[in-house]
N, C-alpha and C. Protein backbone atom coordinates (compact mmCIF):
# COMPACT_ATOMS: atom_id res chain seq x y z
N MET A 1 0.83 -1.19 0.00
CA MET A 1 0.00 0.00 0.00
C MET A 1 0.87 1.25 0.00
N ALA A 2 1.96 1.22 0.73
CA ALA A 2 2.85 2.38 0.79
C ALA A 2 3.46 2.65 -0.57
N ALA A 3 3.77 1.59 -1.32
CA ALA A 3 4.36 1.75 -2.65
C ALA A 3 3.39 2.46 -3.59
N LEU A 4 2.12 2.12 -3.51
CA LEU A 4 1.12 2.78 -4.36
C LEU A 4 0.95 4.25 -3.99
N SER A 5 1.05 4.56 -2.70
CA SER A 5 0.95 5.95 -2.26
C SER A 5 2.12 6.76 -2.82
N VAL A 6 3.32 6.18 -2.77
CA VAL A 6 4.51 6.85 -3.31
C VAL A 6 4.35 7.02 -4.82
N TYR A 7 3.88 5.98 -5.49
CA TYR A 7 3.67 6.04 -6.94
C TYR A 7 2.67 7.15 -7.29
N ASP A 8 1.59 7.24 -6.52
CA ASP A 8 0.58 8.27 -6.77
C ASP A 8 1.15 9.67 -6.54
N ARG A 9 1.99 9.81 -5.57
CA ARG A 9 2.58 11.11 -5.25
C ARG A 9 3.66 11.51 -6.27
N GLU A 10 4.46 10.57 -6.73
CA GLU A 10 5.60 10.87 -7.60
C GLU A 10 5.26 10.89 -9.10
N SER A 11 4.24 10.19 -9.52
CA SER A 11 3.94 10.10 -10.96
C SER A 11 3.63 11.45 -11.61
N PRO A 12 2.93 12.39 -10.97
CA PRO A 12 2.71 13.69 -11.62
C PRO A 12 4.00 14.45 -11.91
N LYS A 13 5.04 14.20 -11.13
CA LYS A 13 6.32 14.87 -11.38
C LYS A 13 6.92 14.45 -12.72
N LEU A 14 6.54 13.26 -13.19
CA LEU A 14 7.00 12.75 -14.48
C LEU A 14 6.00 12.99 -15.59
N GLY A 15 4.91 13.66 -15.25
CA GLY A 15 3.87 13.93 -16.24
C GLY A 15 2.90 12.78 -16.42
N TRP A 16 2.90 11.83 -15.50
CA TRP A 16 2.02 10.68 -15.58
C TRP A 16 0.77 10.93 -14.75
N LYS A 17 -0.32 10.31 -15.16
CA LYS A 17 -1.56 10.37 -14.39
C LYS A 17 -2.04 8.94 -14.18
N VAL A 18 -2.23 8.55 -12.95
CA VAL A 18 -2.67 7.20 -12.62
C VAL A 18 -4.18 7.11 -12.85
N SER A 19 -4.59 6.11 -13.61
CA SER A 19 -6.02 5.85 -13.80
C SER A 19 -6.45 4.84 -12.73
N TRP A 20 -6.97 5.34 -11.64
CA TRP A 20 -7.34 4.47 -10.53
C TRP A 20 -8.55 3.61 -10.87
N VAL A 21 -9.33 4.01 -11.84
CA VAL A 21 -10.47 3.18 -12.27
C VAL A 21 -9.96 1.89 -12.91
N LYS A 22 -8.85 1.99 -13.63
CA LYS A 22 -8.28 0.83 -14.32
C LYS A 22 -7.30 0.05 -13.46
N THR A 23 -6.82 0.63 -12.39
CA THR A 23 -5.80 -0.01 -11.55
C THR A 23 -6.43 -1.10 -10.70
N LYS A 24 -5.86 -2.29 -10.77
CA LYS A 24 -6.32 -3.43 -9.98
C LYS A 24 -5.11 -4.07 -9.31
N LEU A 25 -5.37 -4.79 -8.24
CA LEU A 25 -4.34 -5.54 -7.53
C LEU A 25 -4.68 -7.02 -7.62
N MET A 26 -3.66 -7.87 -7.47
CA MET A 26 -3.90 -9.31 -7.44
C MET A 26 -3.24 -9.89 -6.20
N HIS A 27 -4.03 -10.61 -5.45
CA HIS A 27 -3.52 -11.32 -4.27
C HIS A 27 -3.12 -12.71 -4.72
N VAL A 28 -1.84 -13.04 -4.58
CA VAL A 28 -1.34 -14.35 -4.97
C VAL A 28 -0.96 -15.10 -3.70
N GLY A 29 -1.47 -16.31 -3.59
CA GLY A 29 -1.15 -17.12 -2.41
C GLY A 29 -2.41 -17.60 -1.74
N GLU A 30 -2.22 -18.15 -0.58
CA GLU A 30 -3.35 -18.73 0.14
C GLU A 30 -4.13 -17.66 0.87
N GLY A 31 -5.37 -17.99 1.19
CA GLY A 31 -6.23 -17.07 1.91
C GLY A 31 -7.06 -16.24 0.97
N SER A 32 -8.02 -15.56 1.54
CA SER A 32 -8.92 -14.74 0.73
C SER A 32 -8.30 -13.38 0.46
N ASP A 33 -8.85 -12.69 -0.54
CA ASP A 33 -8.37 -11.36 -0.87
C ASP A 33 -8.66 -10.39 0.28
N PRO A 34 -7.74 -9.50 0.54
CA PRO A 34 -8.04 -8.45 1.51
C PRO A 34 -9.13 -7.53 0.94
N PRO A 35 -9.75 -6.73 1.78
CA PRO A 35 -10.74 -5.79 1.24
C PRO A 35 -10.06 -4.79 0.30
N SER A 36 -10.85 -4.14 -0.53
CA SER A 36 -10.26 -3.18 -1.47
C SER A 36 -9.51 -2.11 -0.70
N LEU A 37 -8.43 -1.64 -1.30
CA LEU A 37 -7.59 -0.63 -0.67
C LEU A 37 -8.05 0.76 -1.06
N ASN A 38 -7.73 1.72 -0.24
CA ASN A 38 -8.05 3.11 -0.52
C ASN A 38 -6.73 3.88 -0.53
N ILE A 39 -6.31 4.31 -1.73
CA ILE A 39 -5.06 5.05 -1.88
C ILE A 39 -5.39 6.51 -2.17
N ASN A 40 -5.14 7.36 -1.21
CA ASN A 40 -5.41 8.80 -1.35
C ASN A 40 -6.82 9.08 -1.87
N GLY A 41 -7.79 8.37 -1.32
CA GLY A 41 -9.19 8.58 -1.69
C GLY A 41 -9.64 7.81 -2.91
N ASN A 42 -8.78 6.98 -3.49
CA ASN A 42 -9.13 6.19 -4.66
C ASN A 42 -9.20 4.72 -4.28
N ALA A 43 -10.34 4.08 -4.53
CA ALA A 43 -10.51 2.67 -4.22
C ALA A 43 -9.81 1.82 -5.27
N VAL A 44 -9.03 0.85 -4.80
CA VAL A 44 -8.33 -0.09 -5.69
C VAL A 44 -8.82 -1.48 -5.32
N GLU A 45 -9.42 -2.17 -6.29
CA GLU A 45 -9.99 -3.49 -6.05
C GLU A 45 -9.02 -4.59 -6.45
N PHE A 46 -9.34 -5.81 -6.04
CA PHE A 46 -8.54 -6.97 -6.37
C PHE A 46 -9.14 -7.71 -7.56
N ALA A 47 -8.29 -8.28 -8.41
CA ALA A 47 -8.73 -9.03 -9.58
C ALA A 47 -8.25 -10.47 -9.44
N ASP A 48 -9.05 -11.42 -9.97
CA ASP A 48 -8.67 -12.82 -9.96
C ASP A 48 -7.78 -13.18 -11.15
N LEU A 49 -7.96 -12.45 -12.26
CA LEU A 49 -7.13 -12.67 -13.44
C LEU A 49 -7.06 -11.39 -14.24
N PHE A 50 -6.02 -11.28 -15.06
CA PHE A 50 -5.88 -10.15 -15.96
C PHE A 50 -4.98 -10.56 -17.11
N VAL A 51 -5.01 -9.79 -18.19
CA VAL A 51 -4.15 -10.04 -19.34
C VAL A 51 -2.98 -9.07 -19.27
N TYR A 52 -1.78 -9.63 -19.27
CA TYR A 52 -0.56 -8.83 -19.19
C TYR A 52 0.41 -9.34 -20.24
N LEU A 53 0.89 -8.44 -21.10
CA LEU A 53 1.79 -8.81 -22.19
C LEU A 53 1.22 -9.96 -23.00
N ALA A 54 -0.06 -9.87 -23.33
CA ALA A 54 -0.79 -10.81 -24.18
C ALA A 54 -0.94 -12.20 -23.56
N SER A 55 -0.80 -12.33 -22.25
CA SER A 55 -1.00 -13.61 -21.57
C SER A 55 -1.91 -13.40 -20.37
N THR A 56 -2.76 -14.39 -20.13
CA THR A 56 -3.66 -14.33 -18.99
C THR A 56 -2.93 -14.78 -17.73
N VAL A 57 -2.97 -13.96 -16.71
CA VAL A 57 -2.33 -14.26 -15.43
C VAL A 57 -3.45 -14.45 -14.40
N THR A 58 -3.40 -15.57 -13.66
CA THR A 58 -4.39 -15.82 -12.62
C THR A 58 -3.73 -15.82 -11.25
N ASN A 59 -4.52 -15.60 -10.24
CA ASN A 59 -3.96 -15.56 -8.88
C ASN A 59 -3.57 -16.95 -8.38
N SER A 60 -4.05 -17.99 -9.03
CA SER A 60 -3.70 -19.36 -8.63
C SER A 60 -2.58 -19.94 -9.49
N GLY A 61 -2.21 -19.26 -10.57
CA GLY A 61 -1.19 -19.78 -11.47
C GLY A 61 -1.73 -20.77 -12.47
N ASP A 62 -3.05 -20.91 -12.53
CA ASP A 62 -3.69 -21.86 -13.43
C ASP A 62 -3.53 -21.42 -14.88
N LEU A 63 -3.17 -22.33 -15.75
CA LEU A 63 -2.96 -22.02 -17.17
C LEU A 63 -4.21 -22.25 -18.02
N LYS A 64 -5.23 -22.87 -17.47
CA LYS A 64 -6.43 -23.19 -18.26
C LYS A 64 -7.09 -21.96 -18.89
N PRO A 65 -7.25 -20.84 -18.16
CA PRO A 65 -7.84 -19.66 -18.81
C PRO A 65 -7.01 -19.15 -19.99
N GLU A 66 -5.69 -19.22 -19.88
CA GLU A 66 -4.83 -18.78 -20.98
C GLU A 66 -4.96 -19.71 -22.18
N ILE A 67 -5.01 -21.00 -21.94
CA ILE A 67 -5.16 -21.97 -23.03
C ILE A 67 -6.50 -21.78 -23.72
N GLU A 68 -7.57 -21.61 -22.96
CA GLU A 68 -8.90 -21.38 -23.54
C GLU A 68 -8.94 -20.08 -24.35
N ARG A 69 -8.29 -19.06 -23.85
CA ARG A 69 -8.25 -17.78 -24.55
C ARG A 69 -7.50 -17.91 -25.87
N ARG A 70 -6.37 -18.58 -25.86
CA ARG A 70 -5.59 -18.78 -27.08
C ARG A 70 -6.37 -19.61 -28.10
N ARG A 71 -7.05 -20.64 -27.63
CA ARG A 71 -7.87 -21.46 -28.55
C ARG A 71 -8.97 -20.62 -29.19
N ALA A 72 -9.60 -19.78 -28.41
CA ALA A 72 -10.67 -18.92 -28.94
C ALA A 72 -10.12 -17.93 -29.95
N LEU A 73 -8.97 -17.33 -29.66
CA LEU A 73 -8.38 -16.37 -30.59
C LEU A 73 -8.00 -17.04 -31.91
N SER A 74 -7.39 -18.23 -31.84
CA SER A 74 -7.02 -18.92 -33.08
C SER A 74 -8.24 -19.40 -33.83
N SER A 75 -9.28 -19.77 -33.12
CA SER A 75 -10.54 -20.15 -33.77
C SER A 75 -11.15 -18.98 -34.53
N ASN A 76 -11.05 -17.79 -33.96
CA ASN A 76 -11.54 -16.59 -34.64
C ASN A 76 -10.78 -16.33 -35.94
N VAL A 77 -9.48 -16.58 -35.90
CA VAL A 77 -8.67 -16.40 -37.12
C VAL A 77 -9.10 -17.42 -38.17
N MET A 78 -9.31 -18.67 -37.74
CA MET A 78 -9.77 -19.71 -38.68
C MET A 78 -11.09 -19.31 -39.32
N GLN A 79 -12.02 -18.81 -38.52
CA GLN A 79 -13.33 -18.39 -39.04
C GLN A 79 -13.20 -17.24 -40.01
N ALA A 80 -12.32 -16.29 -39.70
CA ALA A 80 -12.14 -15.13 -40.56
C ALA A 80 -11.55 -15.52 -41.91
N LEU A 81 -10.77 -16.59 -41.94
CA LEU A 81 -10.14 -17.04 -43.19
C LEU A 81 -10.96 -18.08 -43.94
N CYS A 82 -12.10 -18.46 -43.40
CA CYS A 82 -12.89 -19.52 -44.00
C CYS A 82 -13.28 -19.22 -45.44
N LYS A 83 -13.98 -18.14 -45.65
CA LYS A 83 -14.45 -17.81 -46.99
C LYS A 83 -13.34 -17.33 -47.93
N PRO A 84 -12.49 -16.42 -47.49
CA PRO A 84 -11.49 -15.93 -48.44
C PRO A 84 -10.34 -16.90 -48.73
N LEU A 85 -10.15 -17.91 -47.90
CA LEU A 85 -9.00 -18.79 -48.11
C LEU A 85 -9.37 -20.26 -48.18
N TRP A 86 -9.93 -20.80 -47.10
CA TRP A 86 -10.14 -22.24 -47.01
C TRP A 86 -11.08 -22.77 -48.09
N ARG A 87 -12.10 -22.02 -48.45
CA ARG A 87 -13.08 -22.49 -49.44
C ARG A 87 -12.69 -22.23 -50.89
N GLN A 88 -11.58 -21.58 -51.08
CA GLN A 88 -11.14 -21.26 -52.45
C GLN A 88 -10.40 -22.45 -53.06
N GLN A 89 -10.96 -22.98 -54.14
CA GLN A 89 -10.34 -24.12 -54.83
C GLN A 89 -9.09 -23.69 -55.59
N SER A 90 -9.01 -22.42 -55.96
CA SER A 90 -7.89 -21.94 -56.78
C SER A 90 -6.60 -21.73 -55.97
N ILE A 91 -6.69 -21.77 -54.66
CA ILE A 91 -5.51 -21.58 -53.81
C ILE A 91 -4.96 -22.96 -53.45
N SER A 92 -3.67 -23.14 -53.65
CA SER A 92 -3.05 -24.45 -53.42
C SER A 92 -3.02 -24.81 -51.94
N TYR A 93 -2.92 -26.09 -51.69
CA TYR A 93 -2.83 -26.62 -50.33
C TYR A 93 -1.58 -26.08 -49.64
N THR A 94 -0.48 -25.99 -50.36
CA THR A 94 0.78 -25.48 -49.80
C THR A 94 0.62 -24.04 -49.32
N THR A 95 -0.04 -23.22 -50.11
CA THR A 95 -0.27 -21.83 -49.72
C THR A 95 -1.18 -21.75 -48.50
N LYS A 96 -2.21 -22.59 -48.49
CA LYS A 96 -3.12 -22.60 -47.34
C LYS A 96 -2.37 -23.00 -46.06
N MET A 97 -1.47 -23.97 -46.16
CA MET A 97 -0.70 -24.39 -44.99
C MET A 97 0.27 -23.30 -44.53
N ARG A 98 0.81 -22.57 -45.47
CA ARG A 98 1.70 -21.46 -45.09
C ARG A 98 0.93 -20.38 -44.34
N VAL A 99 -0.26 -20.08 -44.83
CA VAL A 99 -1.11 -19.08 -44.14
C VAL A 99 -1.52 -19.61 -42.78
N TYR A 100 -1.88 -20.89 -42.71
CA TYR A 100 -2.26 -21.50 -41.43
C TYR A 100 -1.12 -21.38 -40.41
N ASN A 101 0.08 -21.74 -40.83
CA ASN A 101 1.24 -21.68 -39.92
C ASN A 101 1.54 -20.24 -39.49
N ALA A 102 1.39 -19.31 -40.42
CA ALA A 102 1.71 -17.91 -40.12
C ALA A 102 0.62 -17.22 -39.31
N ALA A 103 -0.64 -17.48 -39.65
CA ALA A 103 -1.74 -16.72 -39.05
C ALA A 103 -2.39 -17.43 -37.87
N VAL A 104 -2.64 -18.71 -37.99
CA VAL A 104 -3.39 -19.43 -36.96
C VAL A 104 -2.46 -19.96 -35.86
N LEU A 105 -1.45 -20.70 -36.26
CA LEU A 105 -0.54 -21.26 -35.25
C LEU A 105 0.21 -20.19 -34.47
N SER A 106 0.56 -19.11 -35.13
CA SER A 106 1.27 -18.05 -34.41
C SER A 106 0.40 -17.43 -33.32
N VAL A 107 -0.90 -17.32 -33.57
CA VAL A 107 -1.82 -16.80 -32.55
C VAL A 107 -1.98 -17.82 -31.43
N LEU A 108 -2.13 -19.08 -31.80
CA LEU A 108 -2.32 -20.13 -30.81
C LEU A 108 -1.10 -20.31 -29.90
N LEU A 109 0.07 -20.25 -30.47
CA LEU A 109 1.30 -20.54 -29.73
C LEU A 109 2.06 -19.31 -29.25
N TYR A 110 1.51 -18.12 -29.42
CA TYR A 110 2.21 -16.90 -29.04
C TYR A 110 2.62 -16.94 -27.57
N GLY A 111 3.88 -16.73 -27.32
CA GLY A 111 4.38 -16.65 -25.96
C GLY A 111 4.61 -17.98 -25.28
N THR A 112 4.35 -19.11 -25.96
CA THR A 112 4.52 -20.41 -25.31
C THR A 112 5.99 -20.75 -25.06
N GLN A 113 6.90 -20.12 -25.78
CA GLN A 113 8.30 -20.40 -25.55
C GLN A 113 8.76 -19.87 -24.21
N THR A 114 8.02 -18.94 -23.62
CA THR A 114 8.38 -18.44 -22.31
C THR A 114 7.73 -19.27 -21.24
C-alpha cells in the first residue's frame, strides 16, 4: 500500500496520471483477498485474473484460462479465413498451410516459448 501511495505522489512529477479506475491488484497465495484498498481517496480493487503482455495471469497460477483464450483467438482467425482462403479451390494446399502456420498457429502458440 505504501508503494502505491509513493507512486501516486511521484507520478505527476514525471507527467504521468494514474487511472485508478483501471488499476487493480492481485492477491497471490493462500487465503482470501483483503478488502479493497483506498489510496489517497481512490478505491483499488482486487482481480482474480488479468491479461498482461498478451497472456492471462491468474492468482492461482492456473494455465487453463490462458489456453482457452488462445484457442478462442485462433478459432476466430480460422473463421475469418474460411471464406477468403479455405473455401477457395484456386488456392493451393501449400499456400493454405503457409497461411495457417503464419496466421493461426502463431496466434495459438504466441508466448509459449516463455
